[in-house]
PDB file of N, CA and C in Angstrom:
ATOM      1  N   MET A   1      21.209 -97.803 -84.577  1.00  0.00           N
ATOM      2  CA  MET A   1      20.770 -99.053 -85.145  1.00  0.00           C
ATOM      3  C   MET A   1      21.960-100.096 -85.034  1.00  0.00           C
ATOM      4  N   LEU A   2      21.655-101.258 -84.465  1.00  0.00           N
ATOM      5  CA  LEU A   2      22.682-102.297 -84.359  1.00  0.00           C
ATOM      6  C   LEU A   2      22.804-103.111 -85.632  1.00  0.00           C
ATOM      7  N   ARG A   3      24.000-103.495 -85.940  1.00  0.00           N
ATOM      8  CA  ARG A   3      24.221-104.354 -87.060  1.00  0.00           C
ATOM      9  C   ARG A   3      24.757-105.713 -86.515  1.00  0.00           C
ATOM     10  N   TYR A   4      24.212-106.776 -87.048  1.00  0.00           N
ATOM     11  CA  TYR A   4      24.611-108.088 -86.522  1.00  0.00           C
ATOM     12  C   TYR A   4      25.306-108.887 -87.583  1.00  0.00           C
ATOM     13  N   ILE A   5      26.186-109.698 -87.174  1.00  0.00           N
ATOM     14  CA  ILE A   5      26.814-110.717 -88.077  1.00  0.00           C
ATOM     15  C   ILE A   5      25.878-111.914 -88.045  1.00  0.00           C
ATOM     16  N   THR A   6      25.231-112.120 -89.144  1.00  0.00           N
ATOM     17  CA  THR A   6      24.232-113.254 -89.156  1.00  0.00           C
ATOM     18  C   THR A   6      24.991-114.603 -89.408  1.00  0.00           C
ATOM     19  N   ARG A   7      24.416-115.618 -88.826  1.00  0.00           N
ATOM     20  CA  ARG A   7      25.041-116.962 -88.954  1.00  0.00           C
ATOM     21  C   ARG A   7      23.894-117.931 -89.264  1.00  0.00           C
ATOM     22  N   SER A   8      24.216-118.974 -90.054  1.00  0.00           N
ATOM     23  CA  SER A   8      23.236-120.026 -90.231  1.00  0.00           C
ATOM     24  C   SER A   8      24.025-121.333 -90.439  1.00  0.00           C
ATOM     25  N   THR A   9      23.269-122.433 -90.260  1.00  0.00           N
ATOM     26  CA  THR A   9      23.869-123.691 -90.461  1.00  0.00           C
ATOM     27  C   THR A   9      22.880-124.513 -91.411  1.00  0.00           C
ATOM     28  N   THR A  10      23.499-125.363 -92.216  1.00  0.00           N
ATOM     29  CA  THR A  10      22.683-126.113 -93.200  1.00  0.00           C
ATOM     30  C   THR A  10      22.903-127.608 -92.897  1.00  0.00           C
ATOM     31  N   ARG A  11      21.814-128.384 -92.914  1.00  0.00           N
ATOM     32  CA  ARG A  11      21.945-129.814 -92.795  1.00  0.00           C
ATOM     33  C   ARG A  11      20.986-130.480 -93.750  1.00  0.00           C
ATOM     34  N   ASN A  12      21.289-131.672 -94.163  1.00  0.00           N
ATOM     35  CA  ASN A  12      20.485-132.456 -95.045  1.00  0.00           C
ATOM     36  C   ASN A  12      19.837-133.616 -94.268  1.00  0.00           C
ATOM     37  N   GLU A  13      18.539-133.863 -94.502  1.00  0.00           N
ATOM     38  CA  GLU A  13      17.849-135.042 -94.002  1.00  0.00           C
ATOM     39  C   GLU A  13      17.507-135.922 -95.170  1.00  0.00           C
ATOM     40  N   TYR A  14      17.826-137.182 -94.987  1.00  0.00           N
ATOM     41  CA  TYR A  14      17.565-138.174 -96.032  1.00  0.00           C
ATOM     42  C   TYR A  14      16.419-139.068 -95.574  1.00  0.00           C
ATOM     43  N   TYR A  15      15.472-139.298 -96.448  1.00  0.00           N
ATOM     44  CA  TYR A  15      14.286-140.207 -96.064  1.00  0.00           C
ATOM     45  C   TYR A  15      13.842-140.917 -97.314  1.00  0.00           C
ATOM     46  N   THR A  16      13.159-142.014 -97.129  1.00  0.00           N
ATOM     47  CA  THR A  16      12.613-142.789 -98.269  1.00  0.00           C
ATOM     48  C   THR A  16      11.337-142.104 -98.777  1.00  0.00           C
ATOM     49  N   ASN A  17      11.074-142.355-100.006  1.00  0.00           N
ATOM     50  CA  ASN A  17       9.961-141.691-100.695  1.00  0.00           C
ATOM     51  C   ASN A  17       8.644-142.160-100.045  1.00  0.00           C
ATOM     52  N   PRO A  18       7.741-141.243 -99.734  1.00  0.00           N
ATOM     53  CA  PRO A  18       6.499-141.570 -99.079  1.00  0.00           C
ATOM     54  C   PRO A  18       5.533-142.423 -99.915  1.00  0.00           C
ATOM     55  N   HIS A  19       5.811-142.499-101.245  1.00  0.00           N
ATOM     56  CA  HIS A  19       4.967-143.414-102.071  1.00  0.00           C
ATOM     57  C   HIS A  19       5.073-144.858-101.612  1.00  0.00           C
ATOM     58  N   LEU A  20       6.128-145.236-100.864  1.00  0.00           N
ATOM     59  CA  LEU A  20       6.246-146.640-100.372  1.00  0.00           C
ATOM     60  C   LEU A  20       5.376-146.891 -99.164  1.00  0.00           C
ATOM     61  N   ASP A  21       4.931-145.833 -98.445  1.00  0.00           N
ATOM     62  CA  ASP A  21       4.149-146.007 -97.252  1.00  0.00           C
ATOM     63  C   ASP A  21       2.863-146.756 -97.508  1.00  0.00           C
ATOM     64  N   GLY A  22       2.580-147.741 -96.726  1.00  0.00           N
ATOM     65  CA  GLY A  22       1.311-148.444 -96.869  1.00  0.00           C
ATOM     66  C   GLY A  22       1.277-149.555 -97.870  1.00  0.00           C
ATOM     67  N   LEU A  23       2.388-149.683 -98.715  1.00  0.00           N
ATOM     68  CA  LEU A  23       2.435-150.762 -99.696  1.00  0.00           C
ATOM     69  C   LEU A  23       3.046-151.997 -99.086  1.00  0.00           C
ATOM     70  N   THR A  24       2.645-153.189 -99.575  1.00  0.00           N
ATOM     71  CA  THR A  24       3.136-154.446 -99.033  1.00  0.00           C
ATOM     72  C   THR A  24       3.371-155.384-100.252  1.00  0.00           C
ATOM     73  N   GLY A  25       4.193-156.383-100.039  1.00  0.00           N
ATOM     74  CA  GLY A  25       4.402-157.469-101.025  1.00  0.00           C
ATOM     75  C   GLY A  25       4.884-156.947-102.371  1.00  0.00           C
ATOM     76  N   VAL A  26       4.103-157.435-103.390  1.00  0.00           N
ATOM     77  CA  VAL A  26       4.448-157.198-104.764  1.00  0.00           C
ATOM     78  C   VAL A  26       4.312-155.734-105.062  1.00  0.00           C
ATOM     79  N   GLU A  27       3.324-155.050-104.531  1.00  0.00           N
ATOM     80  CA  GLU A  27       3.190-153.609-104.863  1.00  0.00           C
ATOM     81  C   GLU A  27       4.380-152.812-104.311  1.00  0.00           C
ATOM     82  N   TYR A  28       4.859-153.143-103.118  1.00  0.00           N
ATOM     83  CA  TYR A  28       6.035-152.546-102.543  1.00  0.00           C
ATOM     84  C   TYR A  28       7.252-152.666-103.413  1.00  0.00           C
ATOM     85  N   ARG A  29       7.486-153.988-103.775  1.00  0.00           N
ATOM     86  CA  ARG A  29       8.694-154.331-104.621  1.00  0.00           C
ATOM     87  C   ARG A  29       8.563-153.627-105.915  1.00  0.00           C
ATOM     88  N   ARG A  30       7.512-153.573-106.578  1.00  0.00           N
ATOM     89  CA  ARG A  30       7.308-152.886-107.863  1.00  0.00           C
ATOM     90  C   ARG A  30       7.566-151.403-107.758  1.00  0.00           C
ATOM     91  N   MET A  31       7.009-150.778-106.725  1.00  0.00           N
ATOM     92  CA  MET A  31       7.220-149.325-106.530  1.00  0.00           C
ATOM     93  C   MET A  31       8.638-149.025-106.164  1.00  0.00           C
ATOM     94  N   TYR A  32       9.250-149.904-105.360  1.00  0.00           N
ATOM     95  CA  TYR A  32      10.677-149.724-104.928  1.00  0.00           C
ATOM     96  C   TYR A  32      11.577-149.755-106.161  1.00  0.00           C
ATOM     97  N   ARG A  33      11.337-150.764-107.049  1.00  0.00           N
ATOM     98  CA  ARG A  33      12.180-150.858-108.244  1.00  0.00           C
ATOM     99  C   ARG A  33      11.964-149.588-109.129  1.00  0.00           C
ATOM    100  N   TYR A  34      10.768-149.178-109.340  1.00  0.00           N
ATOM    101  CA  TYR A  34      10.448-148.004-110.135  1.00  0.00           C
ATOM    102  C   TYR A  34      11.142-146.726-109.641  1.00  0.00           C
ATOM    103  N   LEU A  35      10.940-146.478-108.275  1.00  0.00           N
ATOM    104  CA  LEU A  35      11.519-145.286-107.665  1.00  0.00           C
ATOM    105  C   LEU A  35      13.060-145.380-107.742  1.00  0.00           C
ATOM    106  N   ASN A  36      13.632-146.551-107.533  1.00  0.00           N
ATOM    107  CA  ASN A  36      15.033-146.705-107.624  1.00  0.00           C
ATOM    108  C   ASN A  36      15.574-146.413-109.103  1.00  0.00           C
ATOM    109  N   SER A  37      14.738-146.805-110.076  1.00  0.00           N
ATOM    110  CA  SER A  37      15.237-146.707-111.459  1.00  0.00           C
ATOM    111  C   SER A  37      15.214-145.206-111.903  1.00  0.00           C
ATOM    112  N   ILE A  38      14.286-144.386-111.328  1.00  0.00           N
ATOM    113  CA  ILE A  38      14.238-143.022-111.706  1.00  0.00           C
ATOM    114  C   ILE A  38      15.047-142.103-110.701  1.00  0.00           C
ATOM    115  N   GLY A  39      15.647-142.775-109.748  1.00  0.00           N
ATOM    116  CA  GLY A  39      16.498-141.977-108.830  1.00  0.00           C
ATOM    117  C   GLY A  39      15.744-141.253-107.756  1.00  0.00           C
ATOM    118  N   GLU A  40      14.555-141.651-107.433  1.00  0.00           N
ATOM    119  CA  GLU A  40      13.751-140.978-106.371  1.00  0.00           C
ATOM    120  C   GLU A  40      13.380-141.847-105.240  1.00  0.00           C
ATOM    121  N   LEU A  41      14.206-142.943-104.951  1.00  0.00           N
ATOM    122  CA  LEU A  41      13.924-143.774-103.826  1.00  0.00           C
ATOM    123  C   LEU A  41      14.205-143.103-102.527  1.00  0.00           C
ATOM    124  N   THR A  42      15.358-142.441-102.494  1.00  0.00           N
ATOM    125  CA  THR A  42      15.799-141.622-101.340  1.00  0.00           C
ATOM    126  C   THR A  42      15.630-140.190-101.626  1.00  0.00           C
ATOM    127  N   LEU A  43      14.937-139.441-100.811  1.00  0.00           N
ATOM    128  CA  LEU A  43      14.784-137.987-101.018  1.00  0.00           C
ATOM    129  C   LEU A  43      15.613-137.224-100.029  1.00  0.00           C
ATOM    130  N   ILE A  44      15.978-136.030-100.387  1.00  0.00           N
ATOM    131  CA  ILE A  44      16.850-135.175 -99.542  1.00  0.00           C
ATOM    132  C   ILE A  44      16.136-133.892 -99.276  1.00  0.00           C
ATOM    133  N   ARG A  45      16.074-133.514 -97.999  1.00  0.00           N
ATOM    134  CA  ARG A  45      15.464-132.251 -97.615  1.00  0.00           C
ATOM    135  C   ARG A  45      16.625-131.426 -97.000  1.00  0.00           C
ATOM    136  N   THR A  46      16.889-130.239 -97.569  1.00  0.00           N
ATOM    137  CA  THR A  46      17.915-129.327 -96.997  1.00  0.00           C
ATOM    138  C   THR A  46      17.284-128.356 -96.117  1.00  0.00           C
ATOM    139  N   ILE A  47      17.767-128.324 -94.835  1.00  0.00           N
ATOM    140  CA  ILE A  47      17.213-127.423 -93.792  1.00  0.00           C
ATOM    141  C   ILE A  47      18.276-126.353 -93.504  1.00  0.00           C
ATOM    142  N   VAL A  48      17.943-125.100 -93.560  1.00  0.00           N
ATOM    143  CA  VAL A  48      18.816-124.018 -93.157  1.00  0.00           C
ATOM    144  C   VAL A  48      18.254-123.436 -91.887  1.00  0.00           C
ATOM    145  N   GLU A  49      19.038-123.462 -90.851  1.00  0.00           N
ATOM    146  CA  GLU A  49      18.674-122.942 -89.494  1.00  0.00           C
ATOM    147  C   GLU A  49      19.483-121.678 -89.255  1.00  0.00           C
ATOM    148  N   HIS A  50      18.778-120.633 -88.979  1.00  0.00           N
ATOM    149  CA  HIS A  50      19.420-119.385 -88.634  1.00  0.00           C
ATOM    150  C   HIS A  50      19.723-119.333 -87.136  1.00  0.00           C
ATOM    151  N   LEU A  51      20.908-119.025 -86.823  1.00  0.00           N
ATOM    152  CA  LEU A  51      21.428-119.025 -85.457  1.00  0.00           C
ATOM    153  C   LEU A  51      21.481-117.660 -84.949  1.00  0.00           C
ATOM    154  N   PRO A  52      21.351-117.475 -83.627  1.00  0.00           N
ATOM    155  CA  PRO A  52      21.336-116.133 -83.062  1.00  0.00           C
ATOM    156  C   PRO A  52      22.720-115.511 -83.229  1.00  0.00           C
ATOM    157  N   PRO A  53      22.745-114.189 -83.412  1.00  0.00           N
ATOM    158  CA  PRO A  53      24.056-113.512 -83.670  1.00  0.00           C
ATOM    159  C   PRO A  53      24.923-113.524 -82.447  1.00  0.00           C
ATOM    160  N   LYS A  54      26.218-113.557 -82.677  1.00  0.00           N
ATOM    161  CA  LYS A  54      27.188-113.590 -81.584  1.00  0.00           C
ATOM    162  C   LYS A  54      27.679-112.183 -81.332  1.00  0.00           C
ATOM    163  N   TYR A  55      27.732-111.315 -82.347  1.00  0.00           N
ATOM    164  CA  TYR A  55      28.281-110.051 -82.174  1.00  0.00           C
ATOM    165  C   TYR A  55      27.272-108.998 -82.726  1.00  0.00           C
ATOM    166  N   ALA A  56      27.236-107.788 -82.036  1.00  0.00           N
ATOM    167  CA  ALA A  56      26.429-106.689 -82.597  1.00  0.00           C
ATOM    168  C   ALA A  56      27.363-105.424 -82.609  1.00  0.00           C
ATOM    169  N   PHE A  57      27.190-104.622 -83.639  1.00  0.00           N
ATOM    170  CA  PHE A  57      27.931-103.389 -83.834  1.00  0.00           C
ATOM    171  C   PHE A  57      27.009-102.218 -83.917  1.00  0.00           C
ATOM    172  N   ASP A  58      27.408-101.105 -83.373  1.00  0.00           N
ATOM    173  CA  ASP A  58      26.629 -99.887 -83.531  1.00  0.00           C
ATOM    174  C   ASP A  58      26.939 -99.176 -84.841  1.00  0.00           C
ATOM    175  N   GLU A  59      26.348 -98.039 -85.103  1.00  0.00           N
ATOM    176  CA  GLU A  59      26.456 -97.351 -86.419  1.00  0.00           C
ATOM    177  C   GLU A  59      27.871 -96.836 -86.604  1.00  0.00           C
ATOM    178  N   HIS A  60      28.721 -96.778 -85.614  1.00  0.00           N
ATOM    179  CA  HIS A  60      30.093 -96.359 -85.732  1.00  0.00           C
ATOM    180  C   HIS A  60      31.047 -97.549 -85.858  1.00  0.00           C
ATOM    181  N   GLY A  61      30.474 -98.735 -85.939  1.00  0.00           N
ATOM    182  CA  GLY A  61      31.356 -99.956 -86.063  1.00  0.00           C
ATOM    183  C   GLY A  61      31.945-100.441 -84.753  1.00  0.00           C
ATOM    184  N   ARG A  62      31.506 -99.934 -83.619  1.00  0.00           N
ATOM    185  CA  ARG A  62      32.016-100.372 -82.359  1.00  0.00           C
ATOM    186  C   ARG A  62      31.209-101.570 -81.911  1.00  0.00           C
ATOM    187  N   LEU A  63      31.962-102.529 -81.310  1.00  0.00           N
ATOM    188  CA  LEU A  63      31.328-103.689 -80.725  1.00  0.00           C
ATOM    189  C   LEU A  63      30.465-103.388 -79.529  1.00  0.00           C
ATOM    190  N   THR A  64      29.194-103.726 -79.561  1.00  0.00           N
ATOM    191  CA  THR A  64      28.278-103.419 -78.492  1.00  0.00           C
ATOM    192  C   THR A  64      27.690-104.639 -77.750  1.00  0.00           C
ATOM    193  N   HIS A  65      27.790-105.768 -78.318  1.00  0.00           N
ATOM    194  CA  HIS A  65      27.174-106.969 -77.730  1.00  0.00           C
ATOM    195  C   HIS A  65      27.902-108.198 -78.160  1.00  0.00           C
ATOM    196  N   VAL A  66      28.192-109.038 -77.203  1.00  0.00           N
ATOM    197  CA  VAL A  66      28.798-110.353 -77.543  1.00  0.00           C
ATOM    198  C   VAL A  66      28.063-111.425 -76.803  1.00  0.00           C
ATOM    199  N   ASN A  67      27.725-112.439 -77.690  1.00  0.00           N
ATOM    200  CA  ASN A  67      26.880-113.617 -77.133  1.00  0.00           C
ATOM    201  C   ASN A  67      27.698-114.887 -77.461  1.00  0.00           C
ATOM    202  N   LEU A  68      28.703-115.131 -76.555  1.00  0.00           N
ATOM    203  CA  LEU A  68      29.563-116.296 -76.811  1.00  0.00           C
ATOM    204  C   LEU A  68      29.170-117.493 -75.867  1.00  0.00           C
ATOM    205  N   THR A  69      29.266-118.658 -76.361  1.00  0.00           N
ATOM    206  CA  THR A  69      29.018-119.823 -75.506  1.00  0.00           C
ATOM    207  C   THR A  69      30.393-120.308 -74.950  1.00  0.00           C
ATOM    208  N   GLU A  70      30.285-121.272 -74.026  1.00  0.00           N
ATOM    209  CA  GLU A  70      31.481-121.860 -73.449  1.00  0.00           C
ATOM    210  C   GLU A  70      32.309-122.519 -74.539  1.00  0.00           C
ATOM    211  N   ALA A  71      31.703-123.197 -75.505  1.00  0.00           N
ATOM    212  CA  ALA A  71      32.450-123.895 -76.575  1.00  0.00           C
ATOM    213  C   ALA A  71      33.213-122.784 -77.461  1.00  0.00           C
ATOM    214  N   ASP A  72      32.605-121.652 -77.705  1.00  0.00           N
ATOM    215  CA  ASP A  72      33.262-120.617 -78.410  1.00  0.00           C
ATOM    216  C   ASP A  72      34.474-120.093 -77.743  1.00  0.00           C
ATOM    217  N   ILE A  73      34.379-119.887 -76.457  1.00  0.00           N
ATOM    218  CA  ILE A  73      35.529-119.325 -75.708  1.00  0.00           C
ATOM    219  C   ILE A  73      36.583-120.382 -75.613  1.00  0.00           C
ATOM    220  N   THR A  74      36.263-121.638 -75.419  1.00  0.00           N
ATOM    221  CA  THR A  74      37.263-122.764 -75.363  1.00  0.00           C
ATOM    222  C   THR A  74      37.936-122.859 -76.661  1.00  0.00           C
ATOM    223  N   ALA A  75      37.222-122.769 -77.775  1.00  0.00           N
ATOM    224  CA  ALA A  75      37.891-122.891 -79.094  1.00  0.00           C
ATOM    225  C   ALA A  75      38.855-121.691 -79.357  1.00  0.00           C
ATOM    226  N   GLN A  76      38.464-120.467 -78.924  1.00  0.00           N
ATOM    227  CA  GLN A  76      39.327-119.357 -79.035  1.00  0.00           C
ATOM    228  C   GLN A  76      40.600-119.526 -78.256  1.00  0.00           C
ATOM    229  N   LEU A  77      40.457-119.978 -76.978  1.00  0.00           N
ATOM    230  CA  LEU A  77      41.605-120.217 -76.137  1.00  0.00           C
ATOM    231  C   LEU A  77      42.515-121.265 -76.706  1.00  0.00           C
ATOM    232  N   ASP A  78      41.938-122.332 -77.266  1.00  0.00           N
ATOM    233  CA  ASP A  78      42.708-123.398 -77.832  1.00  0.00           C
ATOM    234  C   ASP A  78      43.482-122.914 -79.043  1.00  0.00           C
ATOM    235  N   THR A  79      42.893-122.014 -79.809  1.00  0.00           N
ATOM    236  CA  THR A  79      43.578-121.427 -80.986  1.00  0.00           C
ATOM    237  C   THR A  79      44.741-120.618 -80.518  1.00  0.00           C
ATOM    238  N   ILE A  80      44.505-119.750 -79.537  1.00  0.00           N
ATOM    239  CA  ILE A  80      45.560-118.811 -79.072  1.00  0.00           C
ATOM    240  C   ILE A  80      46.741-119.574 -78.461  1.00  0.00           C
ATOM    241  N   THR A  81      46.446-120.655 -77.709  1.00  0.00           N
ATOM    242  CA  THR A  81      47.569-121.398 -77.021  1.00  0.00           C
ATOM    243  C   THR A  81      47.979-122.592 -77.851  1.00  0.00           C
ATOM    244  N   ASN A  82      47.540-122.709 -79.141  1.00  0.00           N
ATOM    245  CA  ASN A  82      47.964-123.790 -80.042  1.00  0.00           C
ATOM    246  C   ASN A  82      47.735-125.182 -79.467  1.00  0.00           C
ATOM    247  N   GLN A  83      46.622-125.368 -78.869  1.00  0.00           N
ATOM    248  CA  GLN A  83      46.196-126.656 -78.355  1.00  0.00           C
ATOM    249  C   GLN A  83      45.201-127.334 -79.312  1.00  0.00           C
ATOM    250  N   PRO A  84      45.275-128.616 -79.511  1.00  0.00           N
ATOM    251  CA  PRO A  84      44.378-129.227 -80.432  1.00  0.00           C
ATOM    252  C   PRO A  84      42.943-129.341 -79.884  1.00  0.00           C
TER     253      PRO A  84
END
Protein backbone atom coordinates (compact mmCIF):
# COMPACT_ATOMS: atom_id res chain seq x y z
CA MET A 1 0.00 0.00 0.00
CA LEU A 2 1.41 3.38 -1.01
CA ARG A 3 1.33 6.31 1.39
CA TYR A 4 1.13 9.80 -0.06
CA ILE A 5 2.04 13.18 1.32
CA THR A 6 -1.18 15.07 0.76
CA ARG A 7 -1.15 18.72 -0.24
CA SER A 8 -3.83 21.35 -0.55
CA THR A 9 -4.07 25.05 -1.20
CA THR A 10 -6.63 27.47 0.18
CA ARG A 11 -7.86 30.64 -1.48
CA ASN A 12 -10.57 33.15 -0.69
CA GLU A 13 -13.04 34.59 -3.19
CA TYR A 14 -14.70 37.90 -2.37
CA TYR A 15 -18.03 38.84 -3.93
CA THR A 16 -20.90 41.24 -3.28
CA ASN A 17 -24.03 39.96 -1.64
CA PRO A 18 -26.47 38.52 -4.22
CA HIS A 19 -29.35 40.37 -2.52
CA LEU A 20 -28.24 43.43 -4.54
CA ASP A 21 -28.75 41.66 -7.88
CA GLY A 22 -31.65 43.09 -9.85
CA LEU A 23 -32.19 46.10 -7.58
CA THR A 24 -32.00 49.64 -8.95
CA GLY A 25 -32.20 53.19 -7.68
CA VAL A 26 -33.61 53.70 -4.19
CA GLU A 27 -34.06 49.98 -3.52
CA TYR A 28 -30.41 49.32 -4.35
CA ARG A 29 -29.14 52.15 -2.12
CA ARG A 30 -31.38 51.09 0.77
CA MET A 31 -30.27 47.43 0.58
CA TYR A 32 -26.63 48.51 0.11
CA ARG A 33 -26.73 50.61 3.31
CA TYR A 34 -28.48 47.83 5.24
CA LEU A 35 -26.04 45.11 4.17
CA ASN A 36 -23.11 47.41 4.86
CA SER A 37 -24.43 48.19 8.36
CA ILE A 38 -24.67 44.50 9.32
CA GLY A 39 -21.32 43.63 7.72
CA GLU A 40 -22.68 41.42 4.95
CA LEU A 41 -22.11 43.62 1.90
CA THR A 42 -19.05 41.65 0.83
CA LEU A 43 -19.11 37.89 1.31
CA ILE A 44 -16.10 35.57 1.42
CA ARG A 45 -16.03 32.04 0.08
CA THR A 46 -13.08 29.88 1.19
CA ILE A 47 -12.07 27.26 -1.38
CA VAL A 48 -9.75 24.37 -0.50
CA GLU A 49 -8.21 22.66 -3.52
CA HIS A 50 -6.52 19.30 -3.06
CA LEU A 51 -3.39 18.97 -5.17
CA PRO A 52 -1.95 15.75 -6.58
CA PRO A 53 0.70 14.18 -4.35
CA LYS A 54 4.35 14.75 -5.20
CA TYR A 55 5.81 11.80 -3.32
CA ALA A 56 4.62 8.25 -2.60
CA PHE A 57 6.13 5.84 -0.08
CA ASP A 58 5.74 2.09 0.22
CA GLU A 59 4.96 0.21 3.46
CA HIS A 60 8.67 0.21 4.37
CA GLY A 61 8.97 3.98 4.05
CA ARG A 62 10.93 3.87 0.79
CA LEU A 63 10.30 6.51 -1.83
CA THR A 64 8.53 4.88 -4.80
CA HIS A 65 7.10 7.76 -6.82
CA VAL A 66 8.05 11.38 -7.44
CA ASN A 67 5.83 13.81 -9.34
CA LEU A 68 7.80 17.06 -9.54
CA THR A 69 7.17 19.98 -11.87
CA GLU A 70 9.78 22.18 -13.50
CA ALA A 71 9.04 24.90 -10.93
CA ASP A 72 9.65 22.44 -8.06
CA ILE A 73 13.01 21.39 -9.47
CA THR A 74 14.06 24.99 -10.16
CA ALA A 75 13.14 26.02 -6.61
CA GLN A 76 15.16 23.13 -5.17
CA LEU A 77 18.19 24.01 -7.31
CA ASP A 78 17.93 27.68 -6.31
CA THR A 79 17.82 26.66 -2.65
CA ILE A 80 20.86 24.41 -3.00
CA THR A 81 22.91 27.00 -4.91
CA ASN A 82 21.70 29.93 -2.73
CA GLN A 83 20.22 31.85 -5.64
CA PRO A 84 17.20 34.14 -5.12
